[in-house]
């Protein structure tokens, strides 16, 4: 999650903050898409407003998908690191057992 602190942007790796930000982004995207659908069906928006809201919806969806992809990549990397660490420990344990026998 990126948050503004003073004049700087701070990137947080806190999973709960990322999940909350992702849920907020999902809600925002849903609201934008609902407003876009309602406005276009009832002819409440002119074409310029429709394009503007459509562009905002597209950016919101792209950000949501990018965040999901980053989370997936981070989890896969973490799982790979965990499994390689376990493999190394297993090898060392096997060598230790073999030496004792």
C-alpha atoms as a PDB file:
ATOM      1  CA  UNK A   1       0.000   0.000   0.000  1.00  0.00           C
ATOM      2  CA  UNK A   2       1.243   3.483  -0.770  1.00  0.00           C
ATOM      3  CA  UNK A   3       0.349   6.258   1.622  1.00  0.00           C
ATOM      4  CA  UNK A   4       1.388   9.881   1.691  1.00  0.00           C
ATOM      5  CA  UNK A   5       3.372  10.971   4.722  1.00  0.00           C
ATOM      6  CA  UNK A   6       4.173  14.675   4.531  1.00  0.00           C
ATOM      7  CA  UNK A   7       5.703  15.270   1.110  1.00  0.00           C
ATOM      8  CA  UNK A   8       6.859  11.663   0.724  1.00  0.00           C
ATOM      9  CA  UNK A   9       5.141   8.427  -0.288  1.00  0.00           C
ATOM     10  CA  UNK A  10       5.544   5.484   2.072  1.00  0.00           C
ATOM     11  CA  UNK A  11       5.141   1.897   0.832  1.00  0.00           C
ATOM     12  CA  UNK A  12       3.731  -0.462   3.428  1.00  0.00           C
ATOM     13  CA  UNK A  13       4.184  -4.227   3.325  1.00  0.00           C
ATOM     14  CA  UNK A  14       1.682  -4.818   6.109  1.00  0.00           C
ATOM     15  CA  UNK A  15      -0.697  -7.503   4.824  1.00  0.00           C
ATOM     16  CA  UNK A  16      -3.711  -6.209   6.773  1.00  0.00           C
ATOM     17  CA  UNK A  17      -3.225  -2.699   5.359  1.00  0.00           C
ATOM     18  CA  UNK A  18      -2.886  -4.129   1.827  1.00  0.00           C
ATOM     19  CA  UNK A  19      -6.043  -6.202   2.250  1.00  0.00           C
ATOM     20  CA  UNK A  20      -7.944  -3.178   3.527  1.00  0.00           C
ATOM     21  CA  UNK A  21      -6.683  -1.019   0.651  1.00  0.00           C
ATOM     22  CA  UNK A  22      -7.617  -3.732  -1.828  1.00  0.00           C
ATOM     23  CA  UNK A  23     -11.129  -3.975  -0.376  1.00  0.00           C
ATOM     24  CA  UNK A  24     -11.465  -0.169  -0.539  1.00  0.00           C
ATOM     25  CA  UNK A  25     -10.308  -0.186  -4.143  1.00  0.00           C
ATOM     26  CA  UNK A  26     -12.822  -2.927  -4.993  1.00  0.00           C
ATOM     27  CA  UNK A  27     -15.650  -0.902  -3.405  1.00  0.00           C
ATOM     28  CA  UNK A  28     -14.568   2.250  -5.239  1.00  0.00           C
ATOM     29  CA  UNK A  29     -14.452   0.390  -8.544  1.00  0.00           C
ATOM     30  CA  UNK A  30     -17.931  -1.028  -7.964  1.00  0.00           C
ATOM     31  CA  UNK A  31     -19.342   2.406  -7.148  1.00  0.00           C
ATOM     32  CA  UNK A  32     -17.766   3.955 -10.236  1.00  0.00           C
ATOM     33  CA  UNK A  33     -19.063   1.184 -12.494  1.00  0.00           C
ATOM     34  CA  UNK A  34     -22.558   1.426 -10.963  1.00  0.00           C
ATOM     35  CA  UNK A  35     -22.610   5.202 -11.479  1.00  0.00           C
ATOM     36  CA  UNK A  36     -21.373   4.790 -15.036  1.00  0.00           C
ATOM     37  CA  UNK A  37     -24.047   2.208 -15.828  1.00  0.00           C
ATOM     38  CA  UNK A  38     -26.857   4.224 -14.221  1.00  0.00           C
ATOM     39  CA  UNK A  39     -25.779   7.472 -15.839  1.00  0.00           C
ATOM     40  CA  UNK A  40     -25.494   5.984 -19.296  1.00  0.00           C
ATOM     41  CA  UNK A  41     -28.802   4.098 -19.096  1.00  0.00           C
ATOM     42  CA  UNK A  42     -30.811   7.063 -17.817  1.00  0.00           C
ATOM     43  CA  UNK A  43     -28.991   9.583 -20.008  1.00  0.00           C
ATOM     44  CA  UNK A  44     -28.076  11.591 -16.915  1.00  0.00           C
ATOM     45  CA  UNK A  45     -24.502  12.173 -18.085  1.00  0.00           C
ATOM     46  CA  UNK A  46     -23.257  13.844 -21.208  1.00  0.00           C
ATOM     47  CA  UNK A  47     -20.621  12.044 -23.309  1.00  0.00           C
ATOM     48  CA  UNK A  48     -17.762  13.993 -21.731  1.00  0.00           C
ATOM     49  CA  UNK A  49     -18.788  12.935 -18.207  1.00  0.00           C
ATOM     50  CA  UNK A  50     -19.217   9.348 -19.392  1.00  0.00           C
ATOM     51  CA  UNK A  51     -15.702   9.280 -20.882  1.00  0.00           C
ATOM     52  CA  UNK A  52     -14.227  10.824 -17.731  1.00  0.00           C
ATOM     53  CA  UNK A  53     -15.954   8.340 -15.426  1.00  0.00           C
ATOM     54  CA  UNK A  54     -15.106   5.471 -17.794  1.00  0.00           C
ATOM     55  CA  UNK A  55     -11.435   6.440 -17.730  1.00  0.00           C
ATOM     56  CA  UNK A  56     -11.504   6.561 -13.940  1.00  0.00           C
ATOM     57  CA  UNK A  57     -13.126   3.116 -13.854  1.00  0.00           C
ATOM     58  CA  UNK A  58     -10.461   1.685 -16.158  1.00  0.00           C
ATOM     59  CA  UNK A  59      -7.634   3.111 -14.042  1.00  0.00           C
ATOM     60  CA  UNK A  60      -9.265   1.772 -10.894  1.00  0.00           C
ATOM     61  CA  UNK A  61      -9.635  -1.719 -12.394  1.00  0.00           C
ATOM     62  CA  UNK A  62      -6.016  -1.692 -13.615  1.00  0.00           C
ATOM     63  CA  UNK A  63      -4.771  -0.687 -10.170  1.00  0.00           C
ATOM     64  CA  UNK A  64      -6.886  -3.421  -8.565  1.00  0.00           C
ATOM     65  CA  UNK A  65      -5.541  -6.065 -10.962  1.00  0.00           C
ATOM     66  CA  UNK A  66      -1.952  -4.844 -10.533  1.00  0.00           C
ATOM     67  CA  UNK A  67      -2.307  -5.092  -6.754  1.00  0.00           C
ATOM     68  CA  UNK A  68      -3.679  -8.630  -7.026  1.00  0.00           C
ATOM     69  CA  UNK A  69      -0.787  -9.600  -9.306  1.00  0.00           C
ATOM     70  CA  UNK A  70       1.782  -8.112  -6.905  1.00  0.00           C
ATOM     71  CA  UNK A  71       0.204  -9.996  -3.995  1.00  0.00           C
ATOM     72  CA  UNK A  72       0.281 -13.242  -5.974  1.00  0.00           C
ATOM     73  CA  UNK A  73       3.932 -12.679  -6.941  1.00  0.00           C
ATOM     74  CA  UNK A  74       4.867 -11.851  -3.339  1.00  0.00           C
ATOM     75  CA  UNK A  75       3.124 -14.966  -2.001  1.00  0.00           C
ATOM     76  CA  UNK A  76       4.728 -17.179  -4.645  1.00  0.00           C
ATOM     77  CA  UNK A  77       8.151 -15.732  -3.837  1.00  0.00           C
ATOM     78  CA  UNK A  78       7.582 -16.183  -0.108  1.00  0.00           C
ATOM     79  CA  UNK A  79       6.404 -19.785  -0.627  1.00  0.00           C
ATOM     80  CA  UNK A  80       9.432 -20.518  -2.795  1.00  0.00           C
ATOM     81  CA  UNK A  81      11.785 -19.045  -0.187  1.00  0.00           C
ATOM     82  CA  UNK A  82      10.101 -21.081   2.550  1.00  0.00           C
ATOM     83  CA  UNK A  83      10.299 -24.316   0.584  1.00  0.00           C
ATOM     84  CA  UNK A  84      13.957 -23.809  -0.366  1.00  0.00           C
ATOM     85  CA  UNK A  85      14.780 -23.120   3.278  1.00  0.00           C
ATOM     86  CA  UNK A  86      13.004 -26.288   4.351  1.00  0.00           C
ATOM     87  CA  UNK A  87      14.843 -28.297   1.711  1.00  0.00           C
ATOM     88  CA  UNK A  88      18.197 -27.034   2.916  1.00  0.00           C
ATOM     89  CA  UNK A  89      17.322 -27.850   6.529  1.00  0.00           C
ATOM     90  CA  UNK A  90      16.107 -31.309   5.501  1.00  0.00           C
ATOM     91  CA  UNK A  91      19.368 -31.971   3.676  1.00  0.00           C
ATOM     92  CA  UNK A  92      21.390 -30.851   6.696  1.00  0.00           C
ATOM     93  CA  UNK A  93      19.277 -33.012   9.024  1.00  0.00           C
ATOM     94  CA  UNK A  94      19.741 -36.034   6.769  1.00  0.00           C
ATOM     95  CA  UNK A  95      23.502 -35.467   6.714  1.00  0.00           C
ATOM     96  CA  UNK A  96      23.535 -35.159  10.504  1.00  0.00           C
ATOM     97  CA  UNK A  97      21.540 -38.396  10.908  1.00  0.00           C
ATOM     98  CA  UNK A  98      23.771 -40.202   8.456  1.00  0.00           C
ATOM     99  CA  UNK A  99      26.825 -39.134  10.429  1.00  0.00           C
ATOM    100  CA  UNK A 100      25.338 -40.476  13.674  1.00  0.00           C
ATOM    101  CA  UNK A 101      24.532 -43.886  12.221  1.00  0.00           C
END
